Amino acid sequence: MKQSILCLTLGCLLVCSLIPSPVLPAGAGTAAAPNHPPKTALTLRLMLDWFPNVDHLPVYVAQETGYFTEQGIQVEIISPSETADALKLAAIGNVDLAVSYQPQTIIAADQGLALKVIAPLVRHPLTTLLFLADAGIGHPRDLSGKKIGYTVPGLMDVLLHAFASINKIRDYTPVNVGFTILPALVSGRVDAVMGPFKTYETVGMAQHGYTAGFFELEKWGIPDYEELIFVCSPAVLDKKQDAVKGFVLALEKAFEHVAAYPDKSLALYLGAVPQADEKMETEAFALTRPYFARTLGHDPDKWQAFADFALAHGLIKTRVDAAGLIHSWQSPR
């Protein structure tokens, strides 16, 4: 049955769930928008790491509750055209802020990109090496000689390299699948994909009749890290520090709101992102919510441990001072 509806499934997925949405301002489609920002409000352009989904829910909560407005800012939320766009565009100042990943930020710093980490979003890894549960894969080494996809060039391919080295995956072929995770798997283009979240893509697969199997990175040799973070360039932080600080303070209130009122928070998100699949996003939110940050700040030791791991396993070429990447809002610049 699955084989016979493969083409329809792929078409639906490509159009409806795994292709990024067009650029959308925050709150587009909301039935009852909060108070409009004052005419003097500063606009910050935030690029997401992926198409809008519940991983970004606290951002939409801050928008829909008016927390950004209270800080005198307006936030324009933008979806990327490619999975690696956000961090690069933030580094060169084409957008003010970006949602990124701790490993990607450390790799970018090694490559000479100037970035500052301003706030957390998701505190622990969600990334998996994902495959179809009936594919006969019981150990990472079973993927030796197979085709393994990855979602974010410059991040997931290098994480895959480290994971493969640690877990003795030999002679695999890496394939960039971008946003098209499930189509790549069910069509047989790849045997597994590095990058899908255990809290999101697994839910989407189940909705389409497929059971996911996966290896959680932190259980197979990759150290703990912050999955999602907010970054900006030092130039933006210097020029717009008050606005960026306002963004961070609004996020802090949003974290508290999500923790205290999860159902209301989900409703705000669904109102702001009308194209979202309510059933899928609701199930994914229940899985994602425990991982959201509840407070600001970062653990420099945790960051440095991952940076040292990255150096030891060839993700980066030179030692990165992780503490130097983190902007502290408790101290002067």
Protein backbone atom coordinates (compact mmCIF):
# COMPACT_ATOMS: atom_id res chain seq x y z
CA MET A 1 0.00 0.00 0.00
CA LYS A 2 2.77 2.43 0.93
CA GLN A 3 4.56 1.61 -2.30
CA SER A 4 1.47 2.30 -4.38
CA ILE A 5 0.88 5.77 -2.90
CA LEU A 6 4.53 6.79 -2.85
CA CYS A 7 4.25 9.42 -5.57
CA LEU A 8 1.22 11.04 -3.98
CA THR A 9 2.89 10.98 -0.59
CA LEU A 10 6.05 12.61 -1.90
CA GLY A 11 4.15 15.31 -3.70
CA CYS A 12 2.08 16.11 -0.64
CA LEU A 13 5.09 16.20 1.61
CA LEU A 14 7.10 18.39 -0.70
CA VAL A 15 4.32 20.92 -1.00
CA CYS A 16 2.73 20.78 2.42
CA SER A 17 5.20 19.87 5.11
CA LEU A 18 8.87 19.68 4.23
CA ILE A 19 9.36 22.72 2.02
CA PRO A 20 10.03 26.07 3.72
CA SER A 21 7.22 28.54 3.72
CA PRO A 22 7.61 31.90 1.98
CA VAL A 23 8.90 34.87 3.90
CA LEU A 24 6.32 35.77 6.51
CA PRO A 25 6.25 38.64 8.96
CA ALA A 26 5.66 37.59 12.52
CA GLY A 27 1.98 37.16 13.27
CA ALA A 28 0.86 36.94 9.64
CA GLY A 29 -2.63 35.49 9.51
CA THR A 30 -3.38 36.15 13.16
CA ALA A 31 -7.07 36.80 13.78
CA ALA A 32 -6.54 39.25 16.62
CA ALA A 33 -3.18 40.98 16.50
CA PRO A 34 -1.70 42.56 19.62
CA ASN A 35 -1.19 46.29 19.98
CA HIS A 36 0.74 47.74 17.07
CA PRO A 37 4.26 48.88 17.95
CA PRO A 38 4.81 52.60 18.26
CA LYS A 39 5.97 54.46 15.16
CA THR A 40 9.42 54.79 16.73
CA ALA A 41 9.78 51.03 17.21
CA LEU A 42 12.97 49.51 15.87
CA THR A 43 12.56 46.59 13.50
CA LEU A 44 14.74 43.50 13.87
CA ARG A 45 14.82 40.94 11.08
CA LEU A 46 15.03 37.39 12.44
CA MET A 47 15.78 34.48 10.12
CA LEU A 48 14.71 31.04 11.28
CA ASP A 49 16.84 27.93 10.78
CA TRP A 50 13.96 26.04 9.11
CA PHE A 51 10.40 26.63 8.04
CA PRO A 52 8.21 27.86 10.94
CA ASN A 53 7.39 25.08 13.39
CA VAL A 54 6.89 24.56 17.12
CA ASP A 55 10.66 24.67 17.73
CA HIS A 56 10.21 28.43 17.26
CA LEU A 57 7.08 28.70 19.40
CA PRO A 58 8.53 31.04 22.08
CA VAL A 59 9.33 33.60 19.37
CA TYR A 60 5.71 33.63 18.22
CA VAL A 61 4.51 33.79 21.82
CA ALA A 62 6.64 36.89 22.36
CA GLN A 63 5.15 38.41 19.22
CA GLU A 64 1.51 37.55 19.88
CA THR A 65 1.50 38.56 23.55
CA GLY A 66 3.03 41.93 22.75
CA TYR A 67 6.27 41.27 24.64
CA PHE A 68 8.29 42.61 21.71
CA THR A 69 6.07 45.68 21.55
CA GLU A 70 6.65 46.32 25.27
CA GLN A 71 10.38 46.48 24.50
CA GLY A 72 9.84 49.02 21.70
CA ILE A 73 10.74 46.61 18.91
CA GLN A 74 9.05 44.95 15.97
CA VAL A 75 10.35 41.56 14.82
CA GLU A 76 10.06 40.41 11.23
CA ILE A 77 10.32 36.61 11.07
CA ILE A 78 11.84 35.23 7.87
CA SER A 79 12.11 31.64 6.64
CA PRO A 80 15.36 30.60 4.92
CA SER A 81 15.54 29.53 1.29
CA GLU A 82 18.30 27.06 2.10
CA THR A 83 19.00 25.24 5.37
CA ALA A 84 22.40 26.90 5.91
CA ASP A 85 21.31 30.47 5.10
CA ALA A 86 20.43 31.92 8.50
CA LEU A 87 23.80 31.92 10.25
CA LYS A 88 25.68 33.14 7.18
CA LEU A 89 23.27 36.01 6.57
CA ALA A 90 23.43 37.03 10.23
CA ALA A 91 27.22 36.99 10.19
CA ILE A 92 27.36 39.44 7.28
CA GLY A 93 24.53 41.58 8.64
CA ASN A 94 21.93 40.86 5.95
CA VAL A 95 19.58 39.92 8.78
CA ASP A 96 19.84 41.17 12.34
CA LEU A 97 19.30 37.89 14.16
CA ALA A 98 19.24 34.20 13.31
CA VAL A 99 18.19 30.94 14.87
CA SER A 100 21.20 28.67 14.68
CA TYR A 101 22.80 25.65 16.35
CA GLN A 102 25.65 25.54 18.86
CA PRO A 103 27.79 23.21 16.71
CA GLN A 104 27.20 25.33 13.60
CA THR A 105 28.22 28.47 15.48
CA ILE A 106 31.47 26.88 16.69
CA ILE A 107 32.26 25.66 13.17
CA ALA A 108 31.51 29.13 11.77
CA ALA A 109 33.80 30.75 14.35
CA ASP A 110 36.61 28.43 13.28
CA GLN A 111 36.01 29.57 9.69
CA GLY A 112 36.42 33.21 10.69
CA LEU A 113 32.79 34.32 10.80
CA ALA A 114 32.15 36.91 13.51
CA LEU A 115 29.15 35.97 15.63
CA LYS A 116 27.74 36.53 19.09
CA VAL A 117 25.38 34.15 20.87
CA ILE A 118 22.68 36.22 22.56
CA ALA A 119 20.13 33.72 23.93
CA PRO A 120 19.21 30.03 24.08
CA LEU A 121 16.10 28.45 22.59
CA VAL A 122 16.44 24.65 22.94
CA ARG A 123 18.85 23.52 25.66
CA HIS A 124 19.76 19.97 24.60
CA PRO A 125 20.19 17.95 21.39
CA LEU A 126 17.15 17.01 19.35
CA THR A 127 19.13 15.94 16.28
CA THR A 128 19.13 12.28 15.29
CA LEU A 129 20.45 9.97 12.63
CA LEU A 130 17.03 8.87 11.41
CA PHE A 131 15.90 5.95 9.25
CA LEU A 132 12.81 3.86 8.52
CA ALA A 133 12.18 1.48 11.40
CA ASP A 134 11.77 -1.50 9.08
CA ALA A 135 15.08 -0.90 7.31
CA GLY A 136 16.94 -3.50 9.36
CA ILE A 137 19.25 -1.00 11.05
CA GLY A 138 20.04 -1.93 14.64
CA HIS A 139 23.46 -0.33 15.11
CA PRO A 140 25.12 2.65 13.42
CA ARG A 141 27.68 0.38 11.77
CA ASP A 142 24.80 -1.24 9.84
CA LEU A 143 24.90 1.91 7.70
CA SER A 144 28.38 1.07 6.39
CA GLY A 145 28.39 1.20 2.62
CA LYS A 146 25.02 3.00 2.56
CA LYS A 147 23.88 6.42 1.38
CA ILE A 148 23.32 8.78 4.31
CA GLY A 149 21.58 12.10 3.82
CA TYR A 150 22.13 15.29 5.78
CA THR A 151 19.97 18.38 6.17
CA VAL A 152 22.25 21.38 6.79
CA PRO A 153 25.47 21.64 4.73
CA GLY A 154 28.46 22.67 6.79
CA LEU A 155 26.88 21.30 9.97
CA MET A 156 25.10 17.99 9.63
CA ASP A 157 27.61 16.60 7.15
CA VAL A 158 30.50 17.27 9.54
CA LEU A 159 28.49 15.95 12.50
CA LEU A 160 27.83 12.86 10.40
CA HIS A 161 31.56 12.49 9.79
CA ALA A 162 32.29 12.58 13.53
CA PHE A 163 29.39 10.25 14.34
CA ALA A 164 30.52 7.79 11.67
CA SER A 165 34.09 7.84 12.93
CA ILE A 166 33.07 7.20 16.53
CA ASN A 167 30.58 4.46 15.66
CA LYS A 168 32.55 2.69 12.93
CA ILE A 169 30.34 3.51 9.93
CA ARG A 170 32.58 2.73 6.95
CA ASP A 171 32.45 3.76 3.29
CA TYR A 172 29.15 5.64 3.40
CA THR A 173 28.10 8.16 0.77
CA PRO A 174 26.87 11.56 2.10
CA VAL A 175 23.93 13.14 0.24
CA ASN A 176 22.54 16.64 0.80
CA VAL A 177 18.75 16.22 1.13
CA GLY A 178 18.00 19.67 2.58
CA PHE A 179 14.38 19.98 3.68
CA THR A 180 13.20 16.84 1.84
CA ILE A 181 13.83 14.29 4.58
CA LEU A 182 10.96 11.83 4.26
CA PRO A 183 10.80 11.85 0.46
CA ALA A 184 14.51 11.02 0.35
CA LEU A 185 14.00 8.10 2.73
CA VAL A 186 10.86 6.53 1.29
CA SER A 187 12.08 6.86 -2.31
CA GLY A 188 15.27 5.01 -1.43
CA ARG A 189 17.47 7.94 -2.39
CA VAL A 190 19.14 7.56 1.02
CA ASP A 191 19.12 4.93 3.77
CA ALA A 192 19.25 7.38 6.69
CA VAL A 193 19.41 11.13 7.32
CA MET A 194 21.52 13.11 9.78
CA GLY A 195 19.65 16.12 11.12
CA PRO A 196 15.97 15.30 11.73
CA PHE A 197 14.66 16.12 15.19
CA LYS A 198 13.36 13.32 17.39
CA THR A 199 10.55 15.66 18.45
CA TYR A 200 9.35 16.74 15.00
CA GLU A 201 10.18 14.67 11.92
CA THR A 202 9.28 11.48 13.78
CA VAL A 203 5.77 12.87 14.28
CA GLY A 204 5.45 13.80 10.61
CA MET A 205 6.55 10.35 9.55
CA ALA A 206 3.97 8.69 11.80
CA GLN A 207 1.23 10.86 10.31
CA HIS A 208 2.13 9.55 6.87
CA GLY A 209 2.17 5.93 7.97
CA TYR A 210 5.89 5.43 8.54
CA THR A 211 7.61 4.49 11.78
CA ALA A 212 10.92 6.19 12.47
CA GLY A 213 13.98 4.56 13.89
CA PHE A 214 16.78 6.79 15.04
CA PHE A 215 20.03 7.13 16.94
CA GLU A 216 20.19 10.01 19.42
CA LEU A 217 23.57 11.68 18.97
CA GLU A 218 24.23 12.27 22.67
CA LYS A 219 23.79 8.53 23.32
CA TRP A 220 26.29 7.58 20.63
CA GLY A 221 29.35 9.63 21.46
CA ILE A 222 28.43 13.25 20.67
CA PRO A 223 28.60 15.51 23.76
CA ASP A 224 25.65 17.52 25.04
CA TYR A 225 25.06 20.85 23.29
CA GLU A 226 22.39 23.52 22.84
CA GLU A 227 20.34 22.52 19.83
CA LEU A 228 18.90 25.94 19.00
CA ILE A 229 20.26 29.38 19.87
CA PHE A 230 19.95 32.99 18.71
CA VAL A 231 22.95 34.70 17.15
CA CYS A 232 23.83 38.04 15.61
CA SER A 233 26.94 39.74 14.30
CA PRO A 234 29.08 41.88 16.66
CA ALA A 235 28.30 44.85 14.39
CA VAL A 236 24.54 44.44 14.85
CA LEU A 237 25.00 43.96 18.59
CA ASP A 238 27.03 47.16 18.77
CA LYS A 239 24.70 49.22 16.58
CA LYS A 240 21.38 47.89 17.90
CA GLN A 241 22.24 46.68 21.37
CA ASP A 242 19.15 48.16 23.01
CA ALA A 243 16.87 46.52 20.45
CA VAL A 244 18.70 43.19 20.69
CA LYS A 245 18.53 43.32 24.48
CA GLY A 246 14.81 44.06 24.20
CA PHE A 247 14.44 40.98 22.01
CA VAL A 248 16.19 38.86 24.64
CA LEU A 249 14.12 40.26 27.51
CA ALA A 250 10.91 39.61 25.56
CA LEU A 251 12.08 36.04 24.95
CA GLU A 252 12.67 35.56 28.65
CA LYS A 253 9.04 36.50 29.32
CA ALA A 254 7.95 34.17 26.52
CA PHE A 255 9.88 31.27 28.09
CA GLU A 256 8.02 31.88 31.34
CA HIS A 257 4.69 32.06 29.48
CA VAL A 258 5.31 28.76 27.66
CA ALA A 259 6.22 27.02 30.92
CA ALA A 260 3.21 28.41 32.80
CA TYR A 261 0.58 28.29 30.04
CA PRO A 262 1.50 25.63 27.49
CA ASP A 263 -1.98 25.29 25.97
CA LYS A 264 -2.41 29.04 25.57
CA SER A 265 1.10 29.28 24.11
CA LEU A 266 0.34 26.61 21.53
CA ALA A 267 -2.89 28.39 20.59
CA LEU A 268 -0.99 31.65 20.08
CA TYR A 269 1.51 29.88 17.84
CA LEU A 270 -1.18 28.18 15.76
CA GLY A 271 -2.94 31.50 15.30
CA ALA A 272 0.26 33.14 14.12
CA VAL A 273 1.22 30.32 11.74
CA PRO A 274 -2.05 29.37 10.01
CA GLN A 275 -0.30 27.09 7.52
CA ALA A 276 0.84 24.80 10.35
CA ASP A 277 -0.60 21.28 10.61
CA GLU A 278 -2.42 21.57 13.94
CA LYS A 279 -2.38 17.85 14.75
CA MET A 280 1.29 17.41 13.94
CA GLU A 281 2.38 20.61 15.66
CA THR A 282 0.39 19.76 18.79
CA GLU A 283 2.03 16.36 19.07
CA ALA A 284 5.46 17.80 18.33
CA PHE A 285 4.98 20.55 20.92
CA ALA A 286 4.32 17.99 23.65
CA LEU A 287 7.66 16.35 22.81
CA THR A 288 9.60 19.59 22.38
CA ARG A 289 8.34 21.56 25.40
CA PRO A 290 10.66 19.94 27.99
CA TYR A 291 13.68 21.03 25.95
CA PHE A 292 12.83 24.74 25.68
CA ALA A 293 15.00 27.15 27.61
CA ARG A 294 13.37 28.59 30.70
CA THR A 295 16.04 31.14 31.57
CA LEU A 296 18.67 33.17 29.77
CA GLY A 297 22.40 32.52 29.79
CA HIS A 298 24.69 29.73 28.62
CA ASP A 299 27.13 27.34 30.29
CA PRO A 300 30.63 28.26 29.03
CA ASP A 301 32.07 24.93 30.20
CA LYS A 302 29.47 23.00 28.22
CA TRP A 303 30.20 25.12 25.18
CA GLN A 304 33.93 24.65 25.54
CA ALA A 305 33.55 20.89 25.96
CA PHE A 306 31.80 20.69 22.61
CA ALA A 307 34.36 22.98 20.97
CA ASP A 308 37.17 20.75 22.24
CA PHE A 309 35.32 17.69 20.95
CA ALA A 310 34.91 19.41 17.58
CA LEU A 311 38.65 20.02 17.39
CA ALA A 312 39.53 16.47 18.42
CA HIS A 313 37.22 14.97 15.80
CA GLY A 314 38.02 17.26 12.90
CA LEU A 315 34.90 19.40 12.84
CA ILE A 316 37.14 22.45 13.26
CA LYS A 317 40.82 23.08 12.55
CA THR A 318 41.80 25.45 15.37
CA ARG A 319 40.78 25.81 18.99
CA VAL A 320 37.72 28.01 19.49
CA ASP A 321 37.33 30.02 22.68
CA ALA A 322 33.67 29.25 23.26
CA ALA A 323 33.26 31.76 26.08
CA GLY A 324 34.25 34.51 23.65
CA LEU A 325 31.25 33.69 21.48
CA ILE A 326 28.73 34.20 24.27
CA HIS A 327 27.45 37.69 24.98
CA SER A 328 26.75 38.30 28.64
CA TRP A 329 23.85 40.61 29.40
CA GLN A 330 25.05 40.93 33.01
CA SER A 331 28.29 42.69 32.12
CA PRO A 332 29.33 45.63 29.96
CA ARG A 333 30.30 45.03 26.36
